[in-house]
Protein backbone atom coordinates (compact mmCIF):
# COMPACT_ATOMS: atom_id res chain seq x y z
CA MET A 1 0.00 0.00 0.00
CA SER A 2 1.39 3.37 -0.99
CA SER A 3 2.01 6.10 1.54
CA HIS A 4 -0.54 8.30 -0.24
CA LEU A 5 -3.23 5.63 0.08
CA ARG A 6 -2.42 5.07 3.75
CA THR A 7 -2.69 8.81 4.36
CA PHE A 8 -6.00 8.97 2.51
CA LEU A 9 -7.45 6.07 4.54
CA TRP A 10 -6.23 7.58 7.82
CA LEU A 11 -7.86 10.91 6.97
CA LEU A 12 -11.08 9.14 6.00
CA VAL A 13 -11.27 7.17 9.24
CA THR A 14 -10.42 10.25 11.28
CA SER A 15 -13.09 12.37 9.61
CA VAL A 16 -15.74 9.68 10.13
CA THR A 17 -14.77 9.34 13.79
CA LEU A 18 -14.93 13.09 14.35
CA ALA A 19 -18.24 13.35 12.52
CA THR A 20 -19.71 10.57 14.66
CA ALA A 21 -18.48 12.19 17.86
CA HIS A 22 -19.85 15.55 16.76
CA ALA A 23 -23.22 14.03 15.97
CA ALA A 24 -23.31 12.39 19.39
CA ASP A 25 -22.52 15.72 21.01
CA GLN A 26 -25.43 17.29 19.14
CA GLU A 27 -27.94 14.67 20.25
CA PRO A 28 -30.39 15.98 22.87
CA LYS A 29 -29.59 14.73 26.36
CA MET A 30 -32.38 12.87 28.15
CA ILE A 31 -33.80 14.78 31.12
CA SER A 32 -36.39 13.27 33.46
CA ILE A 33 -38.13 14.15 36.70
CA ALA A 34 -40.72 12.41 38.86
CA ILE A 35 -42.48 13.57 42.01
CA HIS A 36 -44.79 12.09 44.64
CA GLY A 37 -47.12 13.53 47.22
CA GLY A 38 -47.73 10.51 49.41
CA ALA A 39 -49.29 7.05 49.16
CA GLY A 40 -52.00 5.20 51.02
CA VAL A 41 -55.73 4.56 51.10
CA ILE A 42 -57.23 7.31 48.94
CA ALA A 43 -60.98 6.80 48.58
CA ARG A 44 -62.45 8.52 45.54
CA SER A 45 -65.09 10.08 47.78
CA GLN A 46 -62.31 11.86 49.69
CA LEU A 47 -61.13 13.66 46.56
CA GLY A 48 -64.47 15.35 45.89
CA GLU A 49 -66.57 15.61 42.75
CA ASP A 50 -63.68 17.05 40.73
CA GLY A 51 -61.52 13.96 41.34
CA GLY A 52 -58.88 15.75 43.39
CA LEU A 53 -58.31 18.65 41.00
CA ALA A 54 -56.48 20.70 43.65
CA TYR A 55 -54.03 17.85 44.24
CA ARG A 56 -53.48 17.34 40.53
CA GLU A 57 -52.85 21.03 39.96
CA ALA A 58 -50.41 21.21 42.87
CA LEU A 59 -48.52 18.17 41.62
CA GLY A 60 -48.44 19.59 38.11
CA ALA A 61 -47.09 22.94 39.28
CA ALA A 62 -44.28 21.31 41.30
CA LEU A 63 -43.47 18.91 38.47
CA ASP A 64 -43.24 21.66 35.88
CA ALA A 65 -41.15 23.86 38.18
CA GLY A 66 -38.60 21.09 38.59
CA TYR A 67 -38.62 20.25 34.90
CA ALA A 68 -38.04 23.91 33.98
CA VAL A 69 -34.78 23.76 35.95
CA LEU A 70 -33.63 20.74 33.92
CA GLU A 71 -34.80 22.24 30.65
CA ALA A 72 -32.71 25.35 31.33
CA GLY A 73 -29.63 23.18 31.84
CA GLY A 74 -29.84 23.09 35.63
CA SER A 75 -28.66 20.25 37.84
CA SER A 76 -30.73 17.35 39.08
CA LEU A 77 -30.08 18.60 42.63
CA ASP A 78 -31.58 21.98 41.79
CA ALA A 79 -34.53 20.31 40.08
CA VAL A 80 -35.49 18.03 42.99
CA SER A 81 -34.96 20.87 45.48
CA THR A 82 -37.25 23.13 43.46
CA ALA A 83 -40.00 20.54 43.12
CA VAL A 84 -39.95 19.54 46.79
CA ARG A 85 -39.84 23.17 47.92
CA ALA A 86 -43.05 23.83 45.94
CA LEU A 87 -44.76 20.88 47.62
CA GLU A 88 -43.54 21.99 51.07
CA ASP A 89 -45.33 25.29 50.44
CA ASN A 90 -48.64 23.59 49.61
CA PRO A 91 -50.80 22.75 52.67
CA LEU A 92 -52.46 19.85 50.85
CA PHE A 93 -49.38 17.73 51.53
CA ASN A 94 -47.76 16.42 54.69
CA ALA A 95 -44.55 18.42 54.42
CA GLY A 96 -43.69 21.98 55.37
CA LYS A 97 -46.83 24.11 55.67
CA GLY A 98 -49.73 21.76 56.34
CA ALA A 99 -47.65 18.99 57.90
CA VAL A 100 -49.45 16.64 60.29
CA LEU A 101 -49.18 17.36 64.00
CA THR A 102 -47.46 15.55 66.83
CA HIS A 103 -49.12 14.43 70.06
CA ASP A 104 -48.46 17.86 71.59
CA GLY A 105 -49.97 19.72 68.64
CA SER A 106 -46.78 20.96 66.98
CA ALA A 107 -45.22 20.32 63.60
CA GLU A 108 -41.92 18.39 63.47
CA LEU A 109 -40.35 18.15 60.03
CA ASP A 110 -37.87 15.76 58.40
CA ALA A 111 -36.12 15.91 55.02
CA SER A 112 -33.20 14.44 53.09
CA ILE A 113 -31.41 14.84 49.77
CA MET A 114 -28.71 12.88 47.93
CA ASP A 115 -26.39 13.56 45.00
CA GLY A 116 -25.95 10.53 42.73
CA ALA A 117 -22.72 11.88 41.23
CA THR A 118 -20.78 12.08 44.50
CA LEU A 119 -22.93 10.03 46.95
CA ALA A 120 -23.00 13.12 49.16
CA ALA A 121 -26.14 13.32 51.30
CA GLY A 122 -27.78 15.56 53.85
CA ALA A 123 -30.73 15.19 56.21
CA VAL A 124 -32.54 16.95 59.03
CA THR A 125 -35.04 15.59 61.55
CA GLY A 126 -37.38 17.10 64.10
CA VAL A 127 -37.03 20.70 62.94
CA ARG A 128 -39.84 23.03 63.97
CA HIS A 129 -38.96 26.44 62.57
CA VAL A 130 -37.42 25.94 59.11
CA ARG A 131 -39.81 26.86 56.30
CA HIS A 132 -38.15 24.61 53.74
CA PRO A 133 -36.54 21.60 55.46
CA ILE A 134 -35.25 20.33 52.10
CA ASP A 135 -33.11 23.46 51.75
CA LEU A 136 -31.59 22.85 55.18
CA ALA A 137 -30.93 19.20 54.33
CA ARG A 138 -29.08 20.33 51.22
CA ARG A 139 -27.05 22.83 53.23
CA VAL A 140 -26.07 20.04 55.64
CA MET A 141 -24.86 18.07 52.62
CA GLU A 142 -22.96 20.91 50.99
CA ASP A 143 -21.80 23.01 53.92
CA SER A 144 -21.03 20.64 56.79
CA PRO A 145 -18.98 17.50 57.42
CA HIS A 146 -22.13 15.67 58.54
CA VAL A 147 -25.02 13.79 56.94
CA MET A 148 -27.82 14.26 59.50
CA LEU A 149 -28.63 16.93 62.06
CA SER A 150 -31.63 16.91 64.41
CA GLY A 151 -33.85 19.23 66.38
CA ALA A 152 -32.36 22.26 68.07
CA GLY A 153 -28.91 21.48 66.71
CA ALA A 154 -30.19 21.49 63.15
CA GLU A 155 -31.86 24.85 63.74
CA GLU A 156 -28.74 26.31 65.32
CA PHE A 157 -26.88 25.24 62.18
CA ALA A 158 -29.64 26.86 60.10
CA LEU A 159 -29.20 30.18 61.90
CA GLN A 160 -25.44 30.06 61.42
CA ARG A 161 -25.98 29.52 57.70
CA GLY A 162 -28.31 32.50 57.34
CA PHE A 163 -31.73 30.84 57.44
CA THR A 164 -34.63 32.89 58.79
CA LEU A 165 -36.66 30.79 61.19
CA VAL A 166 -40.47 30.94 61.28
CA PRO A 167 -42.90 30.33 64.18
CA ASN A 168 -44.13 26.75 64.44
CA GLU A 169 -47.64 28.11 63.96
CA TYR A 170 -46.70 28.86 60.33
CA PHE A 171 -46.96 25.13 59.52
CA ILE A 172 -50.22 24.43 61.40
CA THR A 173 -53.51 24.43 59.49
CA PRO A 174 -57.10 23.99 60.74
CA THR A 175 -57.37 20.71 58.82
CA ARG A 176 -54.39 19.22 60.64
CA LYS A 177 -55.72 20.43 63.98
CA ARG A 178 -59.01 18.64 63.34
CA GLN A 179 -57.20 15.48 62.30
CA LEU A 180 -55.17 15.40 65.51
CA GLU A 181 -58.27 16.03 67.63
CA ARG A 182 -60.06 13.12 65.97
CA VAL A 183 -57.13 10.78 66.58
CA LEU A 184 -56.86 11.83 70.23
CA GLN A 185 -60.59 11.27 70.68
CA GLY A 186 -60.60 7.99 68.79
CA ARG A 187 -62.94 9.25 66.06
CA ARG A 188 -62.78 8.24 62.41
CA THR A 189 -61.79 10.43 59.46
CA PRO A 190 -64.77 11.93 57.55
CA ARG A 191 -65.46 10.47 54.12
CA ASN A 192 -64.49 13.72 52.39
CA GLU A 193 -61.10 14.30 54.00
CA LEU A 194 -57.69 12.67 53.57
CA ASP A 195 -55.82 12.00 56.79
CA GLY A 196 -52.07 11.78 57.27
CA LEU A 197 -51.04 11.28 53.66
CA GLY A 198 -48.72 13.53 51.75
CA THR A 199 -45.01 12.89 52.30
CA VAL A 200 -43.41 14.50 49.25
CA GLY A 201 -40.40 13.66 47.12
CA ALA A 202 -38.66 14.05 43.78
CA VAL A 203 -36.06 12.27 41.66
CA ALA A 204 -34.38 13.57 38.54
CA ARG A 205 -31.79 12.99 35.81
CA ASP A 206 -30.19 16.10 34.33
CA ALA A 207 -28.64 16.63 30.89
CA THR A 208 -25.18 15.65 32.17
CA GLY A 209 -26.49 12.29 33.37
CA ASN A 210 -26.37 13.08 37.09
CA LEU A 211 -29.12 11.73 39.34
CA ALA A 212 -30.56 13.16 42.55
CA ALA A 213 -33.32 12.33 45.04
CA ALA A 214 -35.07 14.35 47.75
CA THR A 215 -37.81 13.62 50.29
CA SER A 216 -39.66 15.76 52.88
CA THR A 217 -42.35 14.97 55.46
CA GLY A 218 -44.15 15.89 58.64
CA GLY A 219 -44.23 12.24 59.73
CA MET A 220 -47.28 10.64 61.36
CA THR A 221 -50.26 12.29 63.02
CA ASN A 222 -50.00 12.02 66.82
CA LYS A 223 -46.35 10.89 66.73
CA ARG A 224 -44.56 10.95 70.10
CA TRP A 225 -41.12 10.67 71.63
CA GLY A 226 -39.31 12.19 68.67
CA ARG A 227 -40.36 9.41 66.31
CA ILE A 228 -38.48 9.45 62.97
CA GLY A 229 -39.63 7.64 59.86
CA ASP A 230 -37.85 6.70 56.66
CA SER A 231 -37.94 10.07 54.86
CA PRO A 232 -34.70 11.48 56.34
CA ILE A 233 -32.93 8.11 56.43
CA ILE A 234 -30.45 7.71 53.58
CA GLY A 235 -30.98 4.27 52.05
CA ALA A 236 -34.50 3.87 53.42
CA GLY A 237 -36.53 6.82 52.14
CA THR A 238 -33.95 8.46 49.88
CA TYR A 239 -31.03 7.21 47.81
CA ALA A 240 -29.19 8.23 44.62
CA ASN A 241 -26.23 6.75 42.77
CA ASN A 242 -25.36 7.50 39.14
CA ALA A 243 -24.29 3.86 38.79
CA SER A 244 -27.85 2.64 39.34
CA CYS A 245 -30.77 4.94 40.15
CA ALA A 246 -32.33 7.58 42.37
CA VAL A 247 -35.27 6.75 44.65
CA SER A 248 -37.68 8.64 46.92
CA ALA A 249 -40.12 6.63 49.03
CA THR A 250 -43.43 7.23 50.79
CA GLY A 251 -45.42 4.98 53.08
CA HIS A 252 -45.27 3.35 56.52
CA GLY A 253 -41.76 4.45 57.47
CA GLU A 254 -40.88 1.72 59.94
CA TYR A 255 -41.22 -0.93 57.23
CA PHE A 256 -39.23 1.10 54.71
CA ILE A 257 -36.42 1.50 57.25
CA ARG A 258 -36.32 -2.22 58.07
CA SER A 259 -36.23 -3.10 54.38
CA VAL A 260 -33.80 -0.31 53.40
CA VAL A 261 -36.11 0.15 50.43
CA ALA A 262 -34.43 2.94 48.47
CA TYR A 263 -30.96 1.38 48.60
CA ASP A 264 -32.25 -2.13 47.99
CA ILE A 265 -33.79 -1.07 44.68
CA CYS A 266 -30.59 0.63 43.55
CA ALA A 267 -28.48 -2.33 44.67
CA LEU A 268 -30.59 -4.74 42.62
CA VAL A 269 -30.08 -2.56 39.56
CA GLU A 270 -26.32 -2.18 40.08
CA TYR A 271 -25.33 -5.66 41.26
CA ARG A 272 -27.91 -7.97 39.72
CA GLY A 273 -28.13 -6.00 36.49
CA ILE A 274 -31.92 -6.08 36.27
CA SER A 275 -34.03 -3.18 35.05
CA LEU A 276 -35.27 -0.46 37.38
CA ALA A 277 -38.85 -1.59 36.79
CA GLU A 278 -38.00 -5.17 37.82
CA ALA A 279 -36.09 -4.02 40.89
CA ALA A 280 -38.86 -1.71 42.08
CA ARG A 281 -41.47 -4.41 41.56
CA GLU A 282 -39.41 -6.96 43.49
CA VAL A 283 -38.95 -4.67 46.48
CA VAL A 284 -42.34 -2.93 46.64
CA GLN A 285 -44.68 -5.69 45.54
CA ASN A 286 -42.86 -8.67 47.02
CA LYS A 287 -40.35 -7.90 49.79
CA LEU A 288 -42.16 -4.93 51.30
CA ARG A 289 -45.62 -6.45 51.02
CA GLU A 290 -44.47 -9.73 52.60
CA ARG A 291 -43.14 -7.78 55.58
CA GLY A 292 -46.40 -5.87 56.03
CA GLY A 293 -45.28 -2.58 54.53
CA GLU A 294 -47.54 -0.35 52.46
CA GLY A 295 -46.57 2.57 50.25
CA GLY A 296 -44.61 3.29 47.13
CA ILE A 297 -41.58 4.78 45.43
CA ILE A 298 -40.61 6.98 42.52
CA ALA A 299 -37.30 6.27 40.79
CA VAL A 300 -35.19 7.19 37.78
CA ASP A 301 -32.26 5.24 36.33
CA ALA A 302 -29.05 6.30 34.61
CA LYS A 303 -30.76 6.44 31.20
CA GLY A 304 -33.62 8.59 32.45
CA ASN A 305 -36.22 5.81 32.65
CA ILE A 306 -38.81 6.51 35.35
CA VAL A 307 -40.69 4.02 37.51
CA LEU A 308 -43.65 4.81 39.79
CA GLU A 309 -44.35 1.70 41.88
CA PHE A 310 -46.77 1.36 44.81
CA ASN A 311 -48.67 -1.39 46.64
CA SER A 312 -51.23 0.91 48.27
CA PRO A 313 -54.60 1.83 46.74
CA GLY A 314 -53.18 5.12 45.49
CA MET A 315 -50.14 7.38 45.28
CA PHE A 316 -50.10 11.04 44.32
CA ARG A 317 -47.46 11.18 41.59
CA GLY A 318 -46.23 12.75 38.40
CA LEU A 319 -43.49 12.48 35.80
CA ARG A 320 -42.14 14.47 32.88
CA THR A 321 -39.39 13.71 30.39
CA SER A 322 -37.73 15.32 27.39
CA THR A 323 -39.38 12.72 25.15
CA GLY A 324 -42.64 14.60 25.67
CA GLU A 325 -44.15 12.33 28.29
CA ARG A 326 -46.07 14.04 31.10
CA LEU A 327 -48.26 12.30 33.66
CA ILE A 328 -50.20 13.30 36.78
CA ALA A 329 -51.98 10.42 38.51
CA ILE A 330 -53.44 9.20 41.79
CA TYR A 331 -54.68 5.64 41.20
CA ALA A 332 -53.18 2.72 39.34
CA ASP A 333 -55.60 3.32 36.46
């Protein structure tokens, strides 16, 4: 082969390689986000004649706010923070304003967040004066050597980091007061009112391929003794790893803690090599159900595939992707 021919072939191969790489760079990057607003027994009569329009609109607003962050090139961490913050501001859900009340009639809030790119995580529990617990959880992750802070210590940290605290009364709504009174008196929930549902969460994949998960809650109505559920527990209620998936859970926290639900799903994806849908089904429909646990999860994998899996009658949820898919739903159908 002549030197001229060799040079020609080398240039040809090089140009094809560069063209292929350039084309790949020009391909749109998959972005995905999913949110939840709690899972449990959701009777259709409790949603009213409009089928829960207020819940659907609130979910849609939070979903679109998080997606807008991704669409503008923002990070998955920013997207899940934005979506959860919107849900914390909505009194329909059991997180932030409108959280359920403890035995003594106060609101105690928990939240956590995790970065799938670095495995960094932050969480807060038992805070009573932080308007957006998810923001404080993220600050713990990014601006402290710790993963979890609780109670007065978490709020002292918040003050040192420039947070403005709010009175506990800010979180308390008449609906939650009535719910606590009914529980204390042993009365049943009216047919037209949801009781105790509404833990919120979000998972996302950004255009760079990074995953993130975030969860926020007020816990259980009438909780005592500083009870903590799965929402602020990394591996139970929240987990994210770019090598597998990002998960946010909602349900009966004690069971999700015992089963390490969020991590178990990601571990099945990473180590067994099964799909996210298979992993979520195995954990939520088999393992969790066999142990008596009820609830659900939202999850996204490294390719941006989203799974919304639950074993309860309903789960407030939504998803949106750059392929044009958008969903807001409550029941399995």
